[in-house]
N, C-alpha and C. Protein backbone atom coordinates (compact mmCIF):
# COMPACT_ATOMS: atom_id res chain seq x y z
N MET A 1 8.63 38.61 6.22
CA MET A 1 7.19 38.75 6.35
C MET A 1 6.84 38.94 7.83
N ASP A 2 5.89 39.80 8.09
CA ASP A 2 5.45 40.08 9.46
C ASP A 2 4.44 39.03 9.91
N LEU A 3 4.94 37.94 10.49
CA LEU A 3 4.05 36.89 10.97
C LEU A 3 3.31 37.32 12.23
N ARG A 4 3.96 38.12 13.06
CA ARG A 4 3.30 38.59 14.30
C ARG A 4 2.02 39.35 13.97
N GLY A 5 2.03 40.10 12.90
CA GLY A 5 0.85 40.86 12.50
C GLY A 5 -0.29 39.98 12.01
N ARG A 6 -0.02 38.71 11.78
CA ARG A 6 -1.05 37.76 11.33
C ARG A 6 -1.67 37.00 12.51
N ILE A 7 -1.20 37.28 13.73
CA ILE A 7 -1.72 36.62 14.92
C ILE A 7 -2.80 37.50 15.53
N ARG A 8 -3.97 36.90 15.77
CA ARG A 8 -5.09 37.64 16.36
C ARG A 8 -5.11 37.42 17.87
N ASP A 9 -5.33 38.48 18.63
CA ASP A 9 -5.46 38.39 20.08
C ASP A 9 -6.94 38.30 20.44
N ILE A 10 -7.28 37.30 21.25
CA ILE A 10 -8.66 37.12 21.71
C ILE A 10 -8.65 37.21 23.24
N PRO A 11 -9.14 38.35 23.78
CA PRO A 11 -9.14 38.50 25.24
C PRO A 11 -10.17 37.58 25.91
N ASP A 12 -9.83 37.15 27.12
CA ASP A 12 -10.72 36.37 27.98
C ASP A 12 -11.16 35.05 27.36
N PHE A 13 -10.24 34.39 26.63
CA PHE A 13 -10.52 33.06 26.08
C PHE A 13 -9.36 32.14 26.43
N PRO A 14 -9.59 30.98 26.93
CA PRO A 14 -10.87 30.30 27.18
C PRO A 14 -11.53 30.66 28.50
N LYS A 15 -10.88 31.55 29.27
CA LYS A 15 -11.49 32.02 30.52
C LYS A 15 -11.02 33.45 30.78
N PRO A 16 -11.71 34.17 31.64
CA PRO A 16 -11.33 35.56 31.93
C PRO A 16 -9.87 35.67 32.38
N GLY A 17 -9.21 36.69 31.86
CA GLY A 17 -7.82 36.95 32.22
C GLY A 17 -6.80 36.36 31.27
N ILE A 18 -7.24 35.47 30.38
CA ILE A 18 -6.33 34.85 29.40
C ILE A 18 -6.42 35.65 28.10
N LEU A 19 -5.26 35.98 27.53
CA LEU A 19 -5.21 36.61 26.21
C LEU A 19 -4.75 35.52 25.24
N PHE A 20 -5.69 35.00 24.47
CA PHE A 20 -5.43 33.88 23.56
C PHE A 20 -4.78 34.40 22.28
N ARG A 21 -3.64 33.81 21.91
CA ARG A 21 -2.95 34.16 20.66
C ARG A 21 -3.41 33.17 19.61
N ASP A 22 -4.24 33.64 18.69
CA ASP A 22 -4.92 32.81 17.71
C ASP A 22 -4.15 32.77 16.40
N ILE A 23 -3.71 31.57 15.99
CA ILE A 23 -2.97 31.44 14.73
C ILE A 23 -3.87 31.20 13.53
N THR A 24 -5.18 31.07 13.73
CA THR A 24 -6.04 30.77 12.58
C THR A 24 -5.98 31.87 11.53
N THR A 25 -5.76 33.11 11.95
CA THR A 25 -5.64 34.21 10.99
C THR A 25 -4.36 34.07 10.17
N LEU A 26 -3.30 33.54 10.76
CA LEU A 26 -2.06 33.26 10.02
C LEU A 26 -2.30 32.13 9.03
N LEU A 27 -3.01 31.09 9.48
CA LEU A 27 -3.27 29.93 8.61
C LEU A 27 -4.14 30.28 7.40
N GLN A 28 -5.01 31.27 7.56
CA GLN A 28 -5.91 31.68 6.48
C GLN A 28 -5.17 32.39 5.35
N ASP A 29 -4.00 32.90 5.64
CA ASP A 29 -3.19 33.64 4.67
C ASP A 29 -2.15 32.67 4.09
N ALA A 30 -2.34 32.25 2.85
CA ALA A 30 -1.47 31.23 2.25
C ALA A 30 0.00 31.62 2.30
N GLU A 31 0.29 32.88 2.04
CA GLU A 31 1.68 33.34 2.05
C GLU A 31 2.27 33.28 3.47
N ALA A 32 1.49 33.71 4.45
CA ALA A 32 1.96 33.69 5.84
C ALA A 32 2.10 32.25 6.34
N TYR A 33 1.16 31.40 6.00
CA TYR A 33 1.23 29.99 6.41
C TYR A 33 2.48 29.34 5.83
N GLY A 34 2.72 29.58 4.55
CA GLY A 34 3.93 29.05 3.91
C GLY A 34 5.20 29.59 4.54
N ALA A 35 5.20 30.88 4.87
CA ALA A 35 6.37 31.49 5.51
C ALA A 35 6.60 30.90 6.90
N ALA A 36 5.52 30.65 7.63
CA ALA A 36 5.66 30.05 8.96
C ALA A 36 6.24 28.64 8.85
N LEU A 37 5.75 27.85 7.91
CA LEU A 37 6.28 26.50 7.72
C LEU A 37 7.75 26.54 7.30
N ALA A 38 8.07 27.45 6.39
CA ALA A 38 9.47 27.58 5.96
C ALA A 38 10.35 28.00 7.13
N GLY A 39 9.84 28.89 7.98
CA GLY A 39 10.59 29.33 9.14
C GLY A 39 10.83 28.19 10.12
N LEU A 40 9.81 27.39 10.37
CA LEU A 40 9.98 26.24 11.26
C LEU A 40 10.96 25.23 10.67
N GLU A 41 10.85 25.02 9.36
CA GLU A 41 11.78 24.11 8.69
C GLU A 41 13.22 24.60 8.84
N ASP A 42 13.42 25.89 8.66
CA ASP A 42 14.77 26.47 8.81
C ASP A 42 15.31 26.28 10.22
N LEU A 43 14.43 26.39 11.22
CA LEU A 43 14.86 26.28 12.62
C LEU A 43 15.39 24.88 12.96
N VAL A 44 14.90 23.86 12.27
CA VAL A 44 15.32 22.48 12.59
C VAL A 44 16.16 21.85 11.48
N ARG A 45 16.50 22.65 10.49
CA ARG A 45 17.31 22.13 9.37
C ARG A 45 18.60 21.51 9.91
N GLY A 46 18.94 20.36 9.38
CA GLY A 46 20.16 19.68 9.77
C GLY A 46 19.97 18.69 10.91
N GLU A 47 18.84 18.76 11.61
CA GLU A 47 18.58 17.78 12.66
C GLU A 47 18.01 16.51 12.02
N ARG A 48 18.40 15.37 12.57
CA ARG A 48 17.86 14.10 12.09
C ARG A 48 16.50 13.91 12.76
N ILE A 49 15.44 13.85 11.96
CA ILE A 49 14.08 13.73 12.48
C ILE A 49 13.36 12.64 11.69
N ALA A 50 13.02 11.56 12.38
CA ALA A 50 12.29 10.46 11.73
C ALA A 50 10.79 10.72 11.77
N LYS A 51 10.33 11.37 12.86
CA LYS A 51 8.90 11.62 13.02
C LYS A 51 8.69 13.00 13.61
N VAL A 52 7.59 13.60 13.22
CA VAL A 52 7.13 14.84 13.83
C VAL A 52 5.87 14.47 14.61
N ALA A 53 5.84 14.80 15.89
CA ALA A 53 4.67 14.55 16.73
C ALA A 53 3.94 15.87 16.93
N GLY A 54 2.70 15.94 16.47
CA GLY A 54 1.89 17.15 16.61
C GLY A 54 0.86 17.00 17.70
N ILE A 55 0.76 18.03 18.55
CA ILE A 55 -0.19 18.02 19.65
C ILE A 55 -1.54 18.54 19.16
N GLU A 56 -2.59 17.82 19.52
CA GLU A 56 -3.95 18.18 19.12
C GLU A 56 -4.28 19.60 19.57
N SER A 57 -4.86 20.39 18.79
CA SER A 57 -5.24 20.19 17.41
C SER A 57 -4.44 21.08 16.46
N ARG A 58 -4.06 22.26 16.91
CA ARG A 58 -3.32 23.13 16.00
C ARG A 58 -1.92 22.59 15.70
N GLY A 59 -1.41 21.76 16.57
CA GLY A 59 -0.13 21.10 16.30
C GLY A 59 -0.22 20.13 15.14
N PHE A 60 -1.44 19.64 14.85
CA PHE A 60 -1.64 18.79 13.68
C PHE A 60 -1.43 19.60 12.40
N ILE A 61 -1.97 20.81 12.41
CA ILE A 61 -1.93 21.66 11.21
C ILE A 61 -0.49 22.03 10.85
N LEU A 62 0.28 22.43 11.83
CA LEU A 62 1.67 22.78 11.58
C LEU A 62 2.55 21.53 11.47
N GLY A 63 2.33 20.56 12.34
CA GLY A 63 3.18 19.38 12.39
C GLY A 63 3.11 18.51 11.16
N ALA A 64 1.92 18.25 10.66
CA ALA A 64 1.78 17.39 9.49
C ALA A 64 2.42 18.04 8.26
N ALA A 65 2.20 19.33 8.09
CA ALA A 65 2.80 20.03 6.95
C ALA A 65 4.33 20.09 7.09
N LEU A 66 4.82 20.30 8.31
CA LEU A 66 6.26 20.32 8.54
C LEU A 66 6.86 18.94 8.31
N ALA A 67 6.17 17.89 8.75
CA ALA A 67 6.66 16.52 8.52
C ALA A 67 6.82 16.27 7.03
N ASP A 68 5.87 16.73 6.23
CA ASP A 68 5.97 16.57 4.78
C ASP A 68 7.21 17.28 4.24
N ARG A 69 7.43 18.50 4.69
CA ARG A 69 8.61 19.25 4.24
C ARG A 69 9.92 18.58 4.66
N LEU A 70 9.91 17.94 5.83
CA LEU A 70 11.11 17.30 6.35
C LEU A 70 11.26 15.86 5.86
N ARG A 71 10.26 15.38 5.11
CA ARG A 71 10.23 13.99 4.63
C ARG A 71 10.27 13.02 5.82
N SER A 72 9.50 13.38 6.84
CA SER A 72 9.39 12.58 8.06
C SER A 72 7.97 12.06 8.18
N GLY A 73 7.79 11.06 9.04
CA GLY A 73 6.45 10.60 9.36
C GLY A 73 5.79 11.57 10.33
N PHE A 74 4.48 11.46 10.47
CA PHE A 74 3.72 12.30 11.39
C PHE A 74 3.01 11.43 12.41
N VAL A 75 3.07 11.85 13.67
CA VAL A 75 2.44 11.12 14.77
C VAL A 75 1.51 12.08 15.52
N PRO A 76 0.21 11.77 15.58
CA PRO A 76 -0.70 12.62 16.35
C PRO A 76 -0.67 12.31 17.84
N VAL A 77 -0.58 13.36 18.65
CA VAL A 77 -0.72 13.27 20.10
C VAL A 77 -2.12 13.81 20.38
N ARG A 78 -3.01 12.92 20.86
CA ARG A 78 -4.43 13.28 20.94
C ARG A 78 -4.97 13.24 22.36
N LYS A 79 -6.11 13.87 22.52
CA LYS A 79 -6.84 13.78 23.78
C LYS A 79 -7.38 12.37 23.93
N ARG A 80 -7.63 11.97 25.17
CA ARG A 80 -8.07 10.61 25.49
C ARG A 80 -9.30 10.18 24.67
N GLY A 81 -9.23 8.94 24.19
CA GLY A 81 -10.36 8.34 23.51
C GLY A 81 -10.50 8.64 22.03
N LYS A 82 -9.54 9.32 21.43
CA LYS A 82 -9.66 9.72 20.03
C LYS A 82 -8.87 8.83 19.07
N LEU A 83 -7.96 8.00 19.59
CA LEU A 83 -7.16 7.14 18.72
C LEU A 83 -7.74 5.73 18.73
N PRO A 84 -7.80 5.08 17.56
CA PRO A 84 -8.47 3.79 17.47
C PRO A 84 -7.66 2.57 17.93
N GLY A 85 -6.35 2.64 17.90
CA GLY A 85 -5.52 1.49 18.26
C GLY A 85 -5.15 1.49 19.73
N ALA A 86 -4.28 0.55 20.09
CA ALA A 86 -3.77 0.47 21.47
C ALA A 86 -2.93 1.72 21.76
N THR A 87 -3.18 2.35 22.90
CA THR A 87 -2.52 3.62 23.22
C THR A 87 -1.80 3.57 24.56
N VAL A 88 -0.94 4.57 24.73
CA VAL A 88 -0.28 4.87 25.99
C VAL A 88 -0.76 6.28 26.34
N ARG A 89 -0.96 6.54 27.64
CA ARG A 89 -1.50 7.85 28.04
C ARG A 89 -0.72 8.46 29.19
N VAL A 90 -0.86 9.80 29.28
CA VAL A 90 -0.26 10.57 30.38
C VAL A 90 -1.29 11.61 30.81
N ALA A 91 -1.50 11.73 32.12
CA ALA A 91 -2.35 12.78 32.68
C ALA A 91 -1.45 13.98 33.02
N TYR A 92 -2.01 15.18 32.92
CA TYR A 92 -1.23 16.39 33.20
C TYR A 92 -2.15 17.53 33.59
N GLU A 93 -1.54 18.56 34.16
CA GLU A 93 -2.28 19.75 34.59
C GLU A 93 -2.11 20.86 33.56
N LEU A 94 -3.17 21.57 33.31
CA LEU A 94 -3.18 22.74 32.43
C LEU A 94 -3.27 24.01 33.28
N GLU A 95 -3.17 25.15 32.61
CA GLU A 95 -3.34 26.43 33.30
C GLU A 95 -4.74 26.52 33.90
N TYR A 96 -5.71 25.84 33.30
CA TYR A 96 -7.11 25.99 33.69
C TYR A 96 -7.81 24.63 33.84
N GLY A 97 -7.09 23.60 34.34
CA GLY A 97 -7.70 22.30 34.55
C GLY A 97 -6.71 21.18 34.37
N SER A 98 -7.22 19.99 34.08
CA SER A 98 -6.36 18.84 33.83
C SER A 98 -6.87 18.10 32.60
N ASP A 99 -6.02 17.23 32.06
CA ASP A 99 -6.41 16.50 30.87
C ASP A 99 -5.55 15.25 30.76
N ILE A 100 -5.83 14.45 29.76
CA ILE A 100 -5.07 13.24 29.45
C ILE A 100 -4.81 13.24 27.96
N ILE A 101 -3.55 12.95 27.59
CA ILE A 101 -3.23 12.80 26.17
C ILE A 101 -2.75 11.39 25.93
N GLU A 102 -2.90 10.95 24.67
CA GLU A 102 -2.54 9.60 24.29
C GLU A 102 -1.78 9.59 22.97
N ILE A 103 -1.09 8.48 22.76
CA ILE A 103 -0.39 8.24 21.51
C ILE A 103 -0.51 6.74 21.24
N HIS A 104 -0.52 6.34 19.99
CA HIS A 104 -0.50 4.91 19.69
C HIS A 104 0.79 4.31 20.23
N GLU A 105 0.68 3.16 20.86
CA GLU A 105 1.87 2.55 21.48
C GLU A 105 2.92 2.15 20.45
N ASP A 106 2.51 2.00 19.18
CA ASP A 106 3.46 1.63 18.11
C ASP A 106 3.77 2.80 17.18
N ALA A 107 3.60 4.03 17.66
CA ALA A 107 3.76 5.22 16.82
C ALA A 107 5.19 5.46 16.38
N VAL A 108 6.14 5.00 17.17
CA VAL A 108 7.56 5.18 16.83
C VAL A 108 8.30 3.88 17.08
N SER A 109 9.43 3.75 16.44
CA SER A 109 10.34 2.65 16.74
C SER A 109 11.29 3.12 17.83
N THR A 110 11.79 2.20 18.63
CA THR A 110 12.71 2.55 19.70
C THR A 110 13.86 3.39 19.16
N GLY A 111 14.07 4.54 19.80
CA GLY A 111 15.16 5.43 19.44
C GLY A 111 14.88 6.37 18.29
N ASP A 112 13.69 6.31 17.69
CA ASP A 112 13.36 7.25 16.61
C ASP A 112 13.55 8.68 17.08
N PRO A 113 14.28 9.51 16.31
CA PRO A 113 14.38 10.92 16.66
C PRO A 113 13.07 11.62 16.29
N VAL A 114 12.45 12.25 17.30
CA VAL A 114 11.12 12.86 17.13
C VAL A 114 11.19 14.34 17.49
N LEU A 115 10.57 15.16 16.65
CA LEU A 115 10.40 16.59 16.90
C LEU A 115 8.96 16.82 17.33
N LEU A 116 8.77 17.44 18.48
CA LEU A 116 7.43 17.79 18.96
C LEU A 116 7.04 19.15 18.39
N VAL A 117 5.79 19.27 17.92
CA VAL A 117 5.33 20.53 17.31
C VAL A 117 3.96 20.91 17.85
N ASP A 118 3.80 22.19 18.13
CA ASP A 118 2.49 22.76 18.47
C ASP A 118 2.49 24.22 18.03
N ASP A 119 1.31 24.84 18.09
CA ASP A 119 1.22 26.23 17.65
C ASP A 119 1.92 27.17 18.61
N LEU A 120 1.78 26.92 19.93
CA LEU A 120 2.46 27.80 20.87
C LEU A 120 2.82 27.06 22.14
N ILE A 121 3.76 27.64 22.86
CA ILE A 121 4.11 27.13 24.18
C ILE A 121 3.85 28.24 25.18
N ALA A 122 3.07 27.89 26.21
CA ALA A 122 2.75 28.83 27.28
C ALA A 122 3.48 28.38 28.55
N THR A 123 2.77 27.69 29.43
CA THR A 123 3.42 27.18 30.66
C THR A 123 4.21 25.91 30.37
N GLY A 124 3.94 25.27 29.26
CA GLY A 124 4.67 24.06 28.88
C GLY A 124 4.09 22.76 29.40
N GLY A 125 2.96 22.81 30.09
CA GLY A 125 2.37 21.61 30.67
C GLY A 125 2.00 20.56 29.64
N THR A 126 1.36 20.96 28.58
CA THR A 126 0.95 20.01 27.55
C THR A 126 2.18 19.46 26.82
N ALA A 127 3.11 20.33 26.48
CA ALA A 127 4.33 19.89 25.80
C ALA A 127 5.13 18.95 26.68
N GLU A 128 5.24 19.26 27.97
CA GLU A 128 5.96 18.40 28.89
C GLU A 128 5.30 17.02 28.96
N ALA A 129 3.98 16.98 29.01
CA ALA A 129 3.25 15.71 29.02
C ALA A 129 3.51 14.93 27.73
N ALA A 130 3.52 15.63 26.61
CA ALA A 130 3.78 14.97 25.32
C ALA A 130 5.18 14.38 25.28
N ILE A 131 6.14 15.09 25.84
CA ILE A 131 7.53 14.58 25.89
C ILE A 131 7.58 13.32 26.75
N LYS A 132 6.91 13.35 27.92
CA LYS A 132 6.86 12.17 28.77
C LYS A 132 6.21 11.00 28.03
N LEU A 133 5.16 11.29 27.30
CA LEU A 133 4.45 10.27 26.53
C LEU A 133 5.35 9.67 25.46
N LEU A 134 6.05 10.52 24.72
CA LEU A 134 6.95 10.04 23.66
C LEU A 134 8.10 9.22 24.25
N ARG A 135 8.63 9.67 25.36
CA ARG A 135 9.71 8.91 26.00
C ARG A 135 9.21 7.58 26.54
N LYS A 136 7.95 7.55 26.94
CA LYS A 136 7.34 6.31 27.45
C LYS A 136 7.32 5.22 26.37
N ILE A 137 7.23 5.64 25.11
CA ILE A 137 7.24 4.66 24.01
C ILE A 137 8.61 4.61 23.34
N ASN A 138 9.63 5.09 24.06
CA ASN A 138 11.04 4.98 23.67
C ASN A 138 11.46 5.84 22.48
N ALA A 139 10.79 6.97 22.28
CA ALA A 139 11.23 7.92 21.26
C ALA A 139 12.40 8.73 21.81
N ASP A 140 13.25 9.21 20.93
CA ASP A 140 14.32 10.14 21.28
C ASP A 140 13.83 11.53 20.89
N VAL A 141 13.30 12.27 21.86
CA VAL A 141 12.76 13.61 21.57
C VAL A 141 13.94 14.55 21.37
N VAL A 142 14.15 14.98 20.12
CA VAL A 142 15.33 15.77 19.77
C VAL A 142 15.10 17.28 19.86
N GLY A 143 13.87 17.68 20.08
CA GLY A 143 13.56 19.10 20.19
C GLY A 143 12.07 19.33 20.07
N ALA A 144 11.70 20.59 20.19
CA ALA A 144 10.31 21.01 20.07
C ALA A 144 10.27 22.30 19.25
N ALA A 145 9.24 22.44 18.43
CA ALA A 145 9.11 23.63 17.59
C ALA A 145 7.70 24.21 17.76
N PHE A 146 7.67 25.53 17.89
CA PHE A 146 6.42 26.24 18.11
C PHE A 146 6.41 27.50 17.25
N ALA A 147 5.25 27.89 16.78
CA ALA A 147 5.15 29.17 16.08
C ALA A 147 5.33 30.31 17.08
N ILE A 148 4.78 30.14 18.30
CA ILE A 148 4.77 31.22 19.30
C ILE A 148 5.28 30.71 20.64
N ASP A 149 6.09 31.53 21.30
CA ASP A 149 6.52 31.28 22.67
C ASP A 149 6.01 32.45 23.52
N LEU A 150 5.17 32.15 24.51
CA LEU A 150 4.73 33.15 25.47
C LEU A 150 5.75 33.15 26.60
N LEU A 151 6.82 33.91 26.40
CA LEU A 151 8.01 33.86 27.26
C LEU A 151 7.72 33.99 28.74
N ASP A 152 6.85 34.91 29.12
CA ASP A 152 6.60 35.18 30.53
C ASP A 152 6.00 33.99 31.27
N LEU A 153 5.44 33.03 30.54
CA LEU A 153 4.80 31.88 31.19
C LEU A 153 5.76 30.72 31.43
N GLY A 154 6.98 30.81 30.88
CA GLY A 154 8.05 29.90 31.26
C GLY A 154 8.06 28.51 30.64
N GLY A 155 7.26 28.27 29.64
CA GLY A 155 7.21 26.93 29.05
C GLY A 155 8.49 26.46 28.41
N SER A 156 9.17 27.32 27.67
CA SER A 156 10.41 26.90 27.02
C SER A 156 11.49 26.60 28.06
N ALA A 157 11.52 27.35 29.15
CA ALA A 157 12.46 27.06 30.24
C ALA A 157 12.12 25.72 30.91
N ARG A 158 10.84 25.45 31.03
CA ARG A 158 10.39 24.18 31.61
C ARG A 158 10.86 23.00 30.77
N LEU A 159 10.76 23.12 29.45
CA LEU A 159 11.22 22.04 28.57
C LEU A 159 12.73 21.92 28.60
N ALA A 160 13.42 23.04 28.74
CA ALA A 160 14.89 23.02 28.81
C ALA A 160 15.35 22.19 30.01
N ARG A 161 14.58 22.22 31.10
CA ARG A 161 14.92 21.41 32.27
C ARG A 161 14.82 19.91 31.97
N HIS A 162 14.12 19.56 30.91
CA HIS A 162 14.02 18.17 30.46
C HIS A 162 15.01 17.88 29.33
N GLY A 163 15.89 18.84 29.07
CA GLY A 163 16.89 18.66 28.02
C GLY A 163 16.35 18.86 26.61
N ILE A 164 15.24 19.57 26.49
CA ILE A 164 14.61 19.80 25.19
C ILE A 164 14.84 21.23 24.74
N GLU A 165 15.43 21.38 23.57
CA GLU A 165 15.62 22.70 22.98
C GLU A 165 14.33 23.11 22.26
N CYS A 166 13.89 24.33 22.54
CA CYS A 166 12.69 24.87 21.88
C CYS A 166 13.09 25.78 20.73
N HIS A 167 12.48 25.55 19.60
CA HIS A 167 12.66 26.39 18.42
C HIS A 167 11.36 27.15 18.23
N THR A 168 11.43 28.48 18.20
CA THR A 168 10.20 29.26 18.04
C THR A 168 10.39 30.35 16.99
N LEU A 169 9.30 30.62 16.28
CA LEU A 169 9.33 31.66 15.24
C LEU A 169 9.19 33.07 15.83
N MET A 170 8.36 33.19 16.86
CA MET A 170 8.11 34.52 17.42
C MET A 170 7.77 34.41 18.90
N THR A 171 8.06 35.46 19.63
CA THR A 171 7.77 35.48 21.04
C THR A 171 6.81 36.63 21.35
N PHE A 172 6.02 36.42 22.37
CA PHE A 172 5.12 37.44 22.87
C PHE A 172 5.32 37.53 24.38
N GLU A 173 5.22 38.73 24.91
CA GLU A 173 5.30 38.90 26.35
C GLU A 173 3.91 38.88 26.92
N GLY A 174 3.80 38.63 28.21
CA GLY A 174 2.48 38.54 28.84
C GLY A 174 1.89 37.17 28.60
N ASN A 175 0.61 37.04 28.88
CA ASN A 175 -0.03 35.75 28.65
C ASN A 175 -0.67 35.77 27.30
C-alpha cells in the first residue's frame, strides 16, 4: 500500500519555511491506518517490549494502538501540566522554541524495555528528550518507531548517538 501518498504536505506550518508532513490524512483512511500499524509492528517484531511510550499527541494515536497489537502497556509522554500524578520532567529545545515534557514517575518498573513512538522524527529534539525522561525513571529504551523520518534533519542519527535504533515506515527528504 502507498502510505506516502496518504501523507498531506502543509507548507509554512507551524511557521514560514516549514513543510509539515501531516499524518491525519493517513489516519482517516482505515486501510492505510491499519497498514501503518502493521508495518510498525513488523519493524519491532521479536523485540521484548513491556511498554510503548507515545509522545503527545500524534504519538498517542500510533503508540496506543501499537501497544495493543504488541500486548504491551502504554505510557503517555505529555507536555507540562497535563498528567495528574507525580511526574518527572525534562526541558528541551525544538526547531522553533523550547518546551517541557513529563511522564508519571511510576510509569515503568526499573529495567522495563520501552519502545518510544511518535508520528515522525525531524531533528530528534523531542524524541531525545523523551529518551532522557524514560531513562530518568530507569526504563530500558530498546528503540524508537516512527511513521516518518525526515532524513535531512538528522533526528535518527541523533538518536543513534544515544544508542537508540530508529524504525521508520517511510522517509522524506527536505524538511
